[in-house]
Amino acid sequence: MEIGGVIRETTPLAVGCEAHDVLSRALRFYLSDPYELTPYDVREELTRQMLDSRPDLQPKVIESLQRSVYDWVRFVAQDMHHENILRYDGGTGEHSGQLAYDLPNIGCRVTSELDLLCAGDSPDVLCEVDYKTGNTPFTATSVKQSFQFQHHAALVLNTYPEVQALEVSVWVTRLNQRTHRVIFDRKHLPEYMSRVAKAAELAMRFRRQPVERVPTWPEQDKCGQCHVSHMCPRLECRPGDPISLLEQLVVIENAEAEIRKQLIATVKRTGQDVVTPAGDRFGKVGPKTDGSWKLTAAKIEEPEASE
């Protein structure tokens, strides 16, 4: 990624970032004058921000948010007092959603930005709402075991020493569905911090190492999000070991998707198919309305008949 050898931005990622920015700007608008602005004003601003999103992504941004507009506006501008909104993604000063704490033994600082942090039902509980703009389903178990939310719990509980628990709910905006609140209790803080510290320690230890020395733990979900799966050292297979073969398959299938993404980007940029010396070709095939990206095998040309 550092040398620009892979495509970092995907459409779902770009849409998600743009949708988060839309909600951030609408919330900032509301908090600028919460005593005068009505829920109707906030809804109008949110709609305007969706329409004003990045032109190439605007239809997808609207699709990812429109089902949640009324409920989101009611949640932030009607059901909750504005003073209970503590921090949010894109906020500034005391409203900043960016939290961090240091790990002196490792020599690094861990940080993340929360989408929305609110006061809870009691003074010793805070509530986090995390927006997801995709179609991935979430359960209480997946939220509870998520590295992201254990990391967020560690950040919040370190930032607010008087708080005893963080309640997390995931809001899938595309479907307008929210999970039940999942509790991250302070008594489990050593577990959360240990997991984060171990991840940070591994990242610091191996970030300057050759790729073949970096440990890998192939999983479908993780490999599917990896931009460098086609460079993975796990592509070296150990024949006869079924576990190794299955892990290899996970890497290969996701590496294929990443390589295809790179080739599509090249064809779009150059306007020409990618062709090997042997004649194998990758590019757009079929009519413009339903054409697809495809690898075409080389054709063996028959020699012309002599007179």
C-alpha atoms as a PDB file:
ATOM      1  CA  MET A   1       0.000   0.000   0.000  1.00  0.00           C
ATOM      2  CA  GLU A   2       2.804   2.400   0.868  1.00  0.00           C
ATOM      3  CA  ILE A   3       4.379   2.117  -2.599  1.00  0.00           C
ATOM      4  CA  GLY A   4       1.044   2.340  -4.413  1.00  0.00           C
ATOM      5  CA  GLY A   5       1.146  -1.216  -5.658  1.00  0.00           C
ATOM      6  CA  VAL A   6      -2.454  -2.058  -4.758  1.00  0.00           C
ATOM      7  CA  ILE A   7      -5.859  -0.458  -5.160  1.00  0.00           C
ATOM      8  CA  ARG A   8      -6.887   0.733  -1.710  1.00  0.00           C
ATOM      9  CA  GLU A   9     -10.283   2.247  -2.428  1.00  0.00           C
ATOM     10  CA  THR A  10     -13.268   0.045  -3.202  1.00  0.00           C
ATOM     11  CA  THR A  11     -16.750   1.323  -3.998  1.00  0.00           C
ATOM     12  CA  PRO A  12     -18.349  -0.093  -0.803  1.00  0.00           C
ATOM     13  CA  LEU A  13     -15.576   1.488   1.276  1.00  0.00           C
ATOM     14  CA  ALA A  14     -15.949   4.851  -0.474  1.00  0.00           C
ATOM     15  CA  VAL A  15     -19.744   4.778  -0.111  1.00  0.00           C
ATOM     16  CA  GLY A  16     -19.415   3.933   3.579  1.00  0.00           C
ATOM     17  CA  CYS A  17     -17.004   6.819   4.211  1.00  0.00           C
ATOM     18  CA  GLU A  18     -19.201   9.254   2.298  1.00  0.00           C
ATOM     19  CA  ALA A  19     -22.342   8.117   4.151  1.00  0.00           C
ATOM     20  CA  HIS A  20     -20.580   8.521   7.512  1.00  0.00           C
ATOM     21  CA  ASP A  21     -19.561  12.048   6.484  1.00  0.00           C
ATOM     22  CA  VAL A  22     -23.161  12.862   5.537  1.00  0.00           C
ATOM     23  CA  LEU A  23     -24.419  11.841   8.993  1.00  0.00           C
ATOM     24  CA  SER A  24     -21.542  13.705  10.636  1.00  0.00           C
ATOM     25  CA  ARG A  25     -22.308  16.943   8.824  1.00  0.00           C
ATOM     26  CA  ALA A  26     -26.040  16.667   9.584  1.00  0.00           C
ATOM     27  CA  LEU A  27     -25.328  16.088  13.282  1.00  0.00           C
ATOM     28  CA  ARG A  28     -22.879  19.006  13.378  1.00  0.00           C
ATOM     29  CA  PHE A  29     -25.596  21.188  11.819  1.00  0.00           C
ATOM     30  CA  TYR A  30     -28.068  20.177  14.542  1.00  0.00           C
ATOM     31  CA  LEU A  31     -25.632  20.724  17.398  1.00  0.00           C
ATOM     32  CA  SER A  32     -24.756  24.186  16.094  1.00  0.00           C
ATOM     33  CA  ASP A  33     -28.146  25.458  17.337  1.00  0.00           C
ATOM     34  CA  PRO A  34     -30.143  22.646  18.983  1.00  0.00           C
ATOM     35  CA  TYR A  35     -32.603  24.997  20.699  1.00  0.00           C
ATOM     36  CA  GLU A  36     -33.785  26.550  17.435  1.00  0.00           C
ATOM     37  CA  LEU A  37     -33.461  23.719  14.927  1.00  0.00           C
ATOM     38  CA  THR A  38     -36.387  21.316  14.663  1.00  0.00           C
ATOM     39  CA  PRO A  39     -36.301  17.655  13.606  1.00  0.00           C
ATOM     40  CA  TYR A  40     -37.747  18.825  10.300  1.00  0.00           C
ATOM     41  CA  ASP A  41     -34.758  21.162   9.845  1.00  0.00           C
ATOM     42  CA  VAL A  42     -32.348  18.324  10.589  1.00  0.00           C
ATOM     43  CA  ARG A  43     -34.105  15.999   8.162  1.00  0.00           C
ATOM     44  CA  GLU A  44     -33.934  18.644   5.448  1.00  0.00           C
ATOM     45  CA  GLU A  45     -30.217  19.132   6.129  1.00  0.00           C
ATOM     46  CA  LEU A  46     -29.554  15.395   6.065  1.00  0.00           C
ATOM     47  CA  THR A  47     -31.383  15.110   2.748  1.00  0.00           C
ATOM     48  CA  ARG A  48     -29.410  18.037   1.352  1.00  0.00           C
ATOM     49  CA  GLN A  49     -26.144  16.452   2.463  1.00  0.00           C
ATOM     50  CA  MET A  50     -27.082  13.157   0.779  1.00  0.00           C
ATOM     51  CA  LEU A  51     -27.890  14.956  -2.470  1.00  0.00           C
ATOM     52  CA  ASP A  52     -24.639  16.901  -2.213  1.00  0.00           C
ATOM     53  CA  SER A  53     -22.448  13.823  -1.715  1.00  0.00           C
ATOM     54  CA  ARG A  54     -19.711  12.805  -4.152  1.00  0.00           C
ATOM     55  CA  PRO A  55     -21.299  12.753  -7.637  1.00  0.00           C
ATOM     56  CA  ASP A  56     -20.067   9.307  -8.666  1.00  0.00           C
ATOM     57  CA  LEU A  57     -21.274   7.812  -5.384  1.00  0.00           C
ATOM     58  CA  GLN A  58     -24.419   9.854  -4.731  1.00  0.00           C
ATOM     59  CA  PRO A  59     -27.001   7.215  -5.789  1.00  0.00           C
ATOM     60  CA  LYS A  60     -25.343   4.548  -3.647  1.00  0.00           C
ATOM     61  CA  VAL A  61     -24.989   6.925  -0.687  1.00  0.00           C
ATOM     62  CA  ILE A  62     -28.700   7.758  -0.875  1.00  0.00           C
ATOM     63  CA  GLU A  63     -29.529   4.053  -1.131  1.00  0.00           C
ATOM     64  CA  SER A  64     -27.415   3.276   1.935  1.00  0.00           C
ATOM     65  CA  LEU A  65     -29.093   5.926   4.129  1.00  0.00           C
ATOM     66  CA  GLN A  66     -32.600   6.706   2.919  1.00  0.00           C
ATOM     67  CA  ARG A  67     -34.397   3.967   4.859  1.00  0.00           C
ATOM     68  CA  SER A  68     -32.926   5.261   8.131  1.00  0.00           C
ATOM     69  CA  VAL A  69     -33.454   9.013   7.648  1.00  0.00           C
ATOM     70  CA  TYR A  70     -36.613   9.453   9.729  1.00  0.00           C
ATOM     71  CA  ASP A  71     -35.537   7.149  12.562  1.00  0.00           C
ATOM     72  CA  TRP A  72     -32.036   8.642  12.724  1.00  0.00           C
ATOM     73  CA  VAL A  73     -33.388  12.204  12.900  1.00  0.00           C
ATOM     74  CA  ARG A  74     -35.899  11.192  15.559  1.00  0.00           C
ATOM     75  CA  PHE A  75     -33.129   9.487  17.548  1.00  0.00           C
ATOM     76  CA  VAL A  76     -30.666  12.405  17.605  1.00  0.00           C
ATOM     77  CA  ALA A  77     -33.008  15.428  17.478  1.00  0.00           C
ATOM     78  CA  GLN A  78     -36.150  14.314  19.282  1.00  0.00           C
ATOM     79  CA  ASP A  79     -35.791  11.265  21.531  1.00  0.00           C
ATOM     80  CA  MET A  80     -32.516  12.404  23.081  1.00  0.00           C
ATOM     81  CA  HIS A  81     -31.437  15.696  24.660  1.00  0.00           C
ATOM     82  CA  HIS A  82     -28.606  17.253  22.696  1.00  0.00           C
ATOM     83  CA  GLU A  83     -26.396  17.438  25.813  1.00  0.00           C
ATOM     84  CA  ASN A  84     -26.423  13.635  25.930  1.00  0.00           C
ATOM     85  CA  ILE A  85     -24.555  13.522  22.613  1.00  0.00           C
ATOM     86  CA  LEU A  86     -20.991  13.378  23.876  1.00  0.00           C
ATOM     87  CA  ARG A  87     -18.838  12.566  20.858  1.00  0.00           C
ATOM     88  CA  TYR A  88     -19.272  11.730  17.190  1.00  0.00           C
ATOM     89  CA  ASP A  89     -17.339  10.979  14.043  1.00  0.00           C
ATOM     90  CA  GLY A  90     -16.180  14.308  12.610  1.00  0.00           C
ATOM     91  CA  GLY A  91     -16.826  16.224  15.805  1.00  0.00           C
ATOM     92  CA  THR A  92     -14.333  18.784  17.087  1.00  0.00           C
ATOM     93  CA  GLY A  93     -13.019  19.625  20.539  1.00  0.00           C
ATOM     94  CA  GLU A  94     -14.912  17.845  23.292  1.00  0.00           C
ATOM     95  CA  HIS A  95     -17.250  16.372  20.669  1.00  0.00           C
ATOM     96  CA  SER A  96     -14.440  14.636  18.797  1.00  0.00           C
ATOM     97  CA  GLY A  97     -15.059  10.932  18.322  1.00  0.00           C
ATOM     98  CA  GLN A  98     -11.312  10.265  18.127  1.00  0.00           C
ATOM     99  CA  LEU A  99     -10.120   8.518  21.289  1.00  0.00           C
ATOM    100  CA  ALA A 100      -6.667   7.167  22.120  1.00  0.00           C
ATOM    101  CA  TYR A 101      -4.460   5.780  24.848  1.00  0.00           C
ATOM    102  CA  ASP A 102      -0.774   4.896  25.017  1.00  0.00           C
ATOM    103  CA  LEU A 103       0.901   1.521  25.358  1.00  0.00           C
ATOM    104  CA  PRO A 104       4.277   2.531  26.876  1.00  0.00           C
ATOM    105  CA  ASN A 105       5.703  -0.991  26.918  1.00  0.00           C
ATOM    106  CA  ILE A 106       5.211  -1.277  23.174  1.00  0.00           C
ATOM    107  CA  GLY A 107       5.966   2.318  22.319  1.00  0.00           C
ATOM    108  CA  CYS A 108       2.808   3.111  20.399  1.00  0.00           C
ATOM    109  CA  ARG A 109      -0.554   4.824  20.711  1.00  0.00           C
ATOM    110  CA  VAL A 110      -3.774   3.036  19.787  1.00  0.00           C
ATOM    111  CA  THR A 111      -6.659   5.107  18.492  1.00  0.00           C
ATOM    112  CA  SER A 112     -10.004   4.914  16.740  1.00  0.00           C
ATOM    113  CA  GLU A 113     -12.936   7.194  15.956  1.00  0.00           C
ATOM    114  CA  LEU A 114     -16.407   6.395  17.272  1.00  0.00           C
ATOM    115  CA  ASP A 115     -19.438   7.130  15.104  1.00  0.00           C
ATOM    116  CA  LEU A 116     -21.610   8.275  18.002  1.00  0.00           C
ATOM    117  CA  LEU A 117     -21.134   8.197  21.783  1.00  0.00           C
ATOM    118  CA  CYS A 118     -24.024   9.165  24.060  1.00  0.00           C
ATOM    119  CA  ALA A 119     -24.838   9.281  27.746  1.00  0.00           C
ATOM    120  CA  GLY A 120     -26.544   6.143  29.030  1.00  0.00           C
ATOM    121  CA  ASP A 121     -29.486   5.498  31.309  1.00  0.00           C
ATOM    122  CA  SER A 122     -27.266   5.982  34.361  1.00  0.00           C
ATOM    123  CA  PRO A 123     -24.140   8.102  34.996  1.00  0.00           C
ATOM    124  CA  ASP A 124     -21.837   5.091  34.957  1.00  0.00           C
ATOM    125  CA  VAL A 125     -22.942   3.813  31.524  1.00  0.00           C
ATOM    126  CA  LEU A 126     -22.222   5.232  28.059  1.00  0.00           C
ATOM    127  CA  CYS A 127     -23.761   4.129  24.760  1.00  0.00           C
ATOM    128  CA  GLU A 128     -22.049   3.777  21.399  1.00  0.00           C
ATOM    129  CA  VAL A 129     -23.928   3.599  18.096  1.00  0.00           C
ATOM    130  CA  ASP A 130     -21.875   2.338  15.166  1.00  0.00           C
ATOM    131  CA  TYR A 131     -23.169   2.890  11.629  1.00  0.00           C
ATOM    132  CA  LYS A 132     -22.771   0.139   9.032  1.00  0.00           C
ATOM    133  CA  THR A 133     -23.795   0.886   5.452  1.00  0.00           C
ATOM    134  CA  GLY A 134     -23.371  -2.604   3.990  1.00  0.00           C
ATOM    135  CA  ASN A 135     -25.526  -5.713   4.105  1.00  0.00           C
ATOM    136  CA  THR A 136     -23.537  -7.717   6.656  1.00  0.00           C
ATOM    137  CA  PRO A 137     -25.816  -9.026   9.423  1.00  0.00           C
ATOM    138  CA  PHE A 138     -24.771  -8.487  13.034  1.00  0.00           C
ATOM    139  CA  THR A 139     -25.735 -10.465  16.110  1.00  0.00           C
ATOM    140  CA  ALA A 140     -25.130  -9.864  19.797  1.00  0.00           C
ATOM    141  CA  THR A 141     -22.437 -12.547  19.697  1.00  0.00           C
ATOM    142  CA  SER A 142     -20.611 -11.077  16.700  1.00  0.00           C
ATOM    143  CA  VAL A 143     -20.671  -7.627  18.291  1.00  0.00           C
ATOM    144  CA  LYS A 144     -19.490  -9.004  21.647  1.00  0.00           C
ATOM    145  CA  GLN A 145     -16.536 -10.828  20.067  1.00  0.00           C
ATOM    146  CA  SER A 146     -15.651  -8.081  17.577  1.00  0.00           C
ATOM    147  CA  PHE A 147     -12.114  -6.731  17.834  1.00  0.00           C
ATOM    148  CA  GLN A 148     -13.415  -3.314  16.769  1.00  0.00           C
ATOM    149  CA  PHE A 149     -15.880  -3.006  19.628  1.00  0.00           C
ATOM    150  CA  GLN A 150     -13.605  -4.492  22.266  1.00  0.00           C
ATOM    151  CA  HIS A 151     -11.062  -1.909  21.094  1.00  0.00           C
ATOM    152  CA  HIS A 152     -13.692   0.842  21.372  1.00  0.00           C
ATOM    153  CA  ALA A 153     -14.641  -0.347  24.854  1.00  0.00           C
ATOM    154  CA  ALA A 154     -11.007  -0.109  25.940  1.00  0.00           C
ATOM    155  CA  LEU A 155     -10.796   3.420  24.518  1.00  0.00           C
ATOM    156  CA  VAL A 156     -13.990   4.614  26.209  1.00  0.00           C
ATOM    157  CA  LEU A 157     -13.292   2.989  29.586  1.00  0.00           C
ATOM    158  CA  ASN A 158      -9.770   4.454  29.619  1.00  0.00           C
ATOM    159  CA  THR A 159     -11.038   7.908  28.637  1.00  0.00           C
ATOM    160  CA  TYR A 160     -13.853   7.888  31.207  1.00  0.00           C
ATOM    161  CA  PRO A 161     -12.511   6.221  34.384  1.00  0.00           C
ATOM    162  CA  GLU A 162     -15.805   6.776  36.229  1.00  0.00           C
ATOM    163  CA  VAL A 163     -17.773   4.816  33.616  1.00  0.00           C
ATOM    164  CA  GLN A 164     -18.410   1.154  34.454  1.00  0.00           C
ATOM    165  CA  ALA A 165     -19.797  -0.111  31.150  1.00  0.00           C
ATOM    166  CA  LEU A 166     -20.149   0.692  27.466  1.00  0.00           C
ATOM    167  CA  GLU A 167     -23.312  -0.394  25.652  1.00  0.00           C
ATOM    168  CA  VAL A 168     -22.813  -0.898  21.918  1.00  0.00           C
ATOM    169  CA  SER A 169     -25.454  -1.189  19.215  1.00  0.00           C
ATOM    170  CA  VAL A 170     -24.866  -1.486  15.475  1.00  0.00           C
ATOM    171  CA  TRP A 171     -27.161   0.466  13.154  1.00  0.00           C
ATOM    172  CA  VAL A 172     -27.280  -1.066   9.653  1.00  0.00           C
ATOM    173  CA  THR A 173     -28.523   2.056   7.890  1.00  0.00           C
ATOM    174  CA  ARG A 174     -29.214   0.397   4.529  1.00  0.00           C
ATOM    175  CA  LEU A 175     -31.791  -1.864   6.200  1.00  0.00           C
ATOM    176  CA  ASN A 176     -32.668   0.514   9.066  1.00  0.00           C
ATOM    177  CA  GLN A 177     -31.968  -2.221  11.581  1.00  0.00           C
ATOM    178  CA  ARG A 178     -30.322  -1.828  14.985  1.00  0.00           C
ATOM    179  CA  THR A 179     -28.955  -4.607  17.123  1.00  0.00           C
ATOM    180  CA  HIS A 180     -29.807  -4.880  20.795  1.00  0.00           C
ATOM    181  CA  ARG A 181     -27.322  -3.157  23.066  1.00  0.00           C
ATOM    182  CA  VAL A 182     -24.335  -5.305  23.948  1.00  0.00           C
ATOM    183  CA  ILE A 183     -22.642  -4.554  27.276  1.00  0.00           C
ATOM    184  CA  PHE A 184     -18.862  -4.243  27.585  1.00  0.00           C
ATOM    185  CA  ASP A 185     -18.233  -4.217  31.326  1.00  0.00           C
ATOM    186  CA  ARG A 186     -15.220  -2.657  33.043  1.00  0.00           C
ATOM    187  CA  LYS A 187     -14.470  -5.960  34.770  1.00  0.00           C
ATOM    188  CA  HIS A 188     -13.482  -7.301  31.326  1.00  0.00           C
ATOM    189  CA  LEU A 189     -11.244  -4.327  30.515  1.00  0.00           C
ATOM    190  CA  PRO A 190      -8.006  -6.343  31.091  1.00  0.00           C
ATOM    191  CA  GLU A 191      -9.176  -8.813  28.417  1.00  0.00           C
ATOM    192  CA  TYR A 192      -9.918  -6.039  25.911  1.00  0.00           C
ATOM    193  CA  MET A 193      -6.641  -4.237  26.543  1.00  0.00           C
ATOM    194  CA  SER A 194      -4.640  -7.450  26.351  1.00  0.00           C
ATOM    195  CA  ARG A 195      -6.140  -8.266  22.949  1.00  0.00           C
ATOM    196  CA  VAL A 196      -5.470  -4.773  21.625  1.00  0.00           C
ATOM    197  CA  ALA A 197      -1.954  -4.726  23.062  1.00  0.00           C
ATOM    198  CA  LYS A 198      -1.142  -8.073  21.437  1.00  0.00           C
ATOM    199  CA  ALA A 199      -2.373  -6.836  18.065  1.00  0.00           C
ATOM    200  CA  ALA A 200      -0.341  -3.645  18.440  1.00  0.00           C
ATOM    201  CA  GLU A 201       2.749  -5.580  19.498  1.00  0.00           C
ATOM    202  CA  LEU A 202       2.503  -7.846  16.425  1.00  0.00           C
ATOM    203  CA  ALA A 203       1.935  -4.878  14.140  1.00  0.00           C
ATOM    204  CA  MET A 204       4.983  -3.081  15.524  1.00  0.00           C
ATOM    205  CA  ARG A 205       7.141  -6.208  15.396  1.00  0.00           C
ATOM    206  CA  PHE A 206       6.399  -7.227  11.820  1.00  0.00           C
ATOM    207  CA  ARG A 207       5.611  -4.000   9.976  1.00  0.00           C
ATOM    208  CA  ARG A 208       9.221  -3.647   8.716  1.00  0.00           C
ATOM    209  CA  GLN A 209       9.777  -7.361   8.115  1.00  0.00           C
ATOM    210  CA  PRO A 210       9.779  -9.063   4.693  1.00  0.00           C
ATOM    211  CA  VAL A 211       6.294 -10.320   3.881  1.00  0.00           C
ATOM    212  CA  GLU A 212       7.358 -13.962   4.037  1.00  0.00           C
ATOM    213  CA  ARG A 213       8.226 -13.524   7.727  1.00  0.00           C
ATOM    214  CA  VAL A 214       4.852 -12.086   8.698  1.00  0.00           C
ATOM    215  CA  PRO A 215       2.544 -14.607  10.424  1.00  0.00           C
ATOM    216  CA  THR A 216      -0.834 -15.233   8.823  1.00  0.00           C
ATOM    217  CA  TRP A 217      -4.119 -16.587  10.145  1.00  0.00           C
ATOM    218  CA  PRO A 218      -6.289 -17.078   7.041  1.00  0.00           C
ATOM    219  CA  GLU A 219     -10.033 -16.620   7.501  1.00  0.00           C
ATOM    220  CA  GLN A 220     -12.664 -15.919   4.861  1.00  0.00           C
ATOM    221  CA  ASP A 221     -13.809 -12.639   6.436  1.00  0.00           C
ATOM    222  CA  LYS A 222     -10.297 -11.280   6.956  1.00  0.00           C
ATOM    223  CA  CYS A 223      -8.888 -12.399   3.605  1.00  0.00           C
ATOM    224  CA  GLY A 224     -11.937 -10.956   1.856  1.00  0.00           C
ATOM    225  CA  GLN A 225     -11.005  -7.494   3.171  1.00  0.00           C
ATOM    226  CA  CYS A 226      -7.291  -7.763   2.420  1.00  0.00           C
ATOM    227  CA  HIS A 227      -5.934  -5.577  -0.383  1.00  0.00           C
ATOM    228  CA  VAL A 228      -2.733  -7.611  -0.697  1.00  0.00           C
ATOM    229  CA  SER A 229      -4.108 -11.162  -0.588  1.00  0.00           C
ATOM    230  CA  HIS A 230      -2.495 -11.846  -3.965  1.00  0.00           C
ATOM    231  CA  MET A 231       0.904 -11.281  -2.320  1.00  0.00           C
ATOM    232  CA  CYS A 232       0.205 -13.509   0.680  1.00  0.00           C
ATOM    233  CA  PRO A 233       3.042 -15.826   1.736  1.00  0.00           C
ATOM    234  CA  ARG A 234       0.415 -18.501   2.404  1.00  0.00           C
ATOM    235  CA  LEU A 235       0.250 -19.056  -1.359  1.00  0.00           C
ATOM    236  CA  GLU A 236       3.036 -21.585  -0.783  1.00  0.00           C
ATOM    237  CA  CYS A 237       1.087 -24.800  -0.235  1.00  0.00           C
ATOM    238  CA  ARG A 238       1.986 -27.898   1.777  1.00  0.00           C
ATOM    239  CA  PRO A 239       0.591 -30.849  -0.213  1.00  0.00           C
ATOM    240  CA  GLY A 240      -1.047 -33.615   1.774  1.00  0.00           C
ATOM    241  CA  ASP A 241      -2.093 -31.434   4.708  1.00  0.00           C
ATOM    242  CA  PRO A 242      -5.893 -30.914   4.388  1.00  0.00           C
ATOM    243  CA  ILE A 243      -5.924 -28.029   6.857  1.00  0.00           C
ATOM    244  CA  SER A 244      -3.180 -26.302   4.896  1.00  0.00           C
ATOM    245  CA  LEU A 245      -5.027 -26.967   1.645  1.00  0.00           C
ATOM    246  CA  LEU A 246      -8.235 -25.421   2.990  1.00  0.00           C
ATOM    247  CA  GLU A 247      -6.396 -22.363   4.291  1.00  0.00           C
ATOM    248  CA  GLN A 248      -4.706 -22.164   0.886  1.00  0.00           C
ATOM    249  CA  LEU A 249      -8.092 -22.186  -0.824  1.00  0.00           C
ATOM    250  CA  VAL A 250      -9.279 -19.278   1.333  1.00  0.00           C
ATOM    251  CA  VAL A 251      -6.226 -17.252   0.297  1.00  0.00           C
ATOM    252  CA  ILE A 252      -6.402 -18.177  -3.392  1.00  0.00           C
ATOM    253  CA  GLU A 253     -10.094 -17.373  -3.829  1.00  0.00           C
ATOM    254  CA  ASN A 254      -9.704 -13.952  -2.253  1.00  0.00           C
ATOM    255  CA  ALA A 255      -6.420 -13.346  -4.080  1.00  0.00           C
ATOM    256  CA  GLU A 256      -8.266 -13.977  -7.353  1.00  0.00           C
ATOM    257  CA  ALA A 257     -10.796 -11.277  -6.480  1.00  0.00           C
ATOM    258  CA  GLU A 258      -8.030  -8.802  -5.641  1.00  0.00           C
ATOM    259  CA  ILE A 259      -6.079  -9.569  -8.843  1.00  0.00           C
ATOM    260  CA  ARG A 260      -9.256  -9.125 -10.895  1.00  0.00           C
ATOM    261  CA  LYS A 261      -9.793  -5.747  -9.217  1.00  0.00           C
ATOM    262  CA  GLN A 262      -6.271  -4.676 -10.170  1.00  0.00           C
ATOM    263  CA  LEU A 263      -6.779  -5.762 -13.795  1.00  0.00           C
ATOM    264  CA  ILE A 264     -10.129  -3.970 -14.065  1.00  0.00           C
ATOM    265  CA  ALA A 265      -8.505  -0.783 -12.764  1.00  0.00           C
ATOM    266  CA  THR A 266      -5.738  -1.114 -15.365  1.00  0.00           C
ATOM    267  CA  VAL A 267      -8.181  -1.616 -18.252  1.00  0.00           C
ATOM    268  CA  LYS A 268     -10.288   1.349 -17.128  1.00  0.00           C
ATOM    269  CA  ARG A 269      -7.221   3.552 -16.801  1.00  0.00           C
ATOM    270  CA  THR A 270      -5.626   2.626 -20.141  1.00  0.00           C
ATOM    271  CA  GLY A 271      -8.753   1.946 -22.159  1.00  0.00           C
ATOM    272  CA  GLN A 272      -7.153  -1.230 -23.472  1.00  0.00           C
ATOM    273  CA  ASP A 273      -7.400  -4.920 -22.635  1.00  0.00           C
ATOM    274  CA  VAL A 274      -4.468  -6.563 -20.886  1.00  0.00           C
ATOM    275  CA  VAL A 275      -2.942  -9.115 -23.279  1.00  0.00           C
ATOM    276  CA  THR A 276      -0.131 -11.585 -22.595  1.00  0.00           C
ATOM    277  CA  PRO A 277       2.511 -12.498 -25.219  1.00  0.00           C
ATOM    278  CA  ALA A 278       0.678 -15.806 -25.579  1.00  0.00           C
ATOM    279  CA  GLY A 279      -2.530 -13.972 -26.480  1.00  0.00           C
ATOM    280  CA  ASP A 280      -4.495 -14.425 -23.255  1.00  0.00           C
ATOM    281  CA  ARG A 281      -6.699 -11.381 -22.862  1.00  0.00           C
ATOM    282  CA  PHE A 282      -8.498  -9.698 -19.953  1.00  0.00           C
ATOM    283  CA  GLY A 283     -11.085  -7.020 -20.554  1.00  0.00           C
ATOM    284  CA  LYS A 284     -14.717  -6.121 -21.078  1.00  0.00           C
ATOM    285  CA  VAL A 285     -16.711  -8.608 -23.128  1.00  0.00           C
ATOM    286  CA  GLY A 286     -20.282  -8.708 -24.364  1.00  0.00           C
ATOM    287  CA  PRO A 287     -22.620  -5.817 -25.183  1.00  0.00           C
ATOM    288  CA  LYS A 288     -22.236  -2.550 -23.265  1.00  0.00           C
ATOM    289  CA  THR A 289     -25.519  -3.054 -21.430  1.00  0.00           C
ATOM    290  CA  ASP A 290     -24.597  -6.357 -19.824  1.00  0.00           C
ATOM    291  CA  GLY A 291     -20.895  -6.752 -20.522  1.00  0.00           C
ATOM    292  CA  SER A 292     -18.725  -8.426 -17.925  1.00  0.00           C
ATOM    293  CA  TRP A 293     -15.052  -8.578 -17.105  1.00  0.00           C
ATOM    294  CA  LYS A 294     -13.538 -11.819 -18.327  1.00  0.00           C
ATOM    295  CA  LEU A 295     -10.277 -13.603 -18.969  1.00  0.00           C
ATOM    296  CA  THR A 296     -10.240 -14.939 -22.525  1.00  0.00           C
ATOM    297  CA  ALA A 297      -7.911 -17.800 -23.375  1.00  0.00           C
ATOM    298  CA  ALA A 298      -5.537 -17.464 -26.299  1.00  0.00           C
ATOM    299  CA  LYS A 299      -6.861 -18.591 -29.638  1.00  0.00           C
ATOM    300  CA  ILE A 300      -4.786 -20.817 -31.842  1.00  0.00           C
ATOM    301  CA  GLU A 301      -4.901 -19.403 -35.328  1.00  0.00           C
ATOM    302  CA  GLU A 302      -5.079 -21.931 -38.116  1.00  0.00           C
ATOM    303  CA  PRO A 303      -2.427 -21.362 -40.835  1.00  0.00           C
ATOM    304  CA  GLU A 304      -3.764 -20.107 -44.109  1.00  0.00           C
ATOM    305  CA  ALA A 305      -3.999 -22.755 -46.840  1.00  0.00           C
ATOM    306  CA  SER A 306      -1.319 -22.442 -49.474  1.00  0.00           C
ATOM    307  CA  GLU A 307      -2.277 -22.141 -53.089  1.00  0.00           C
END
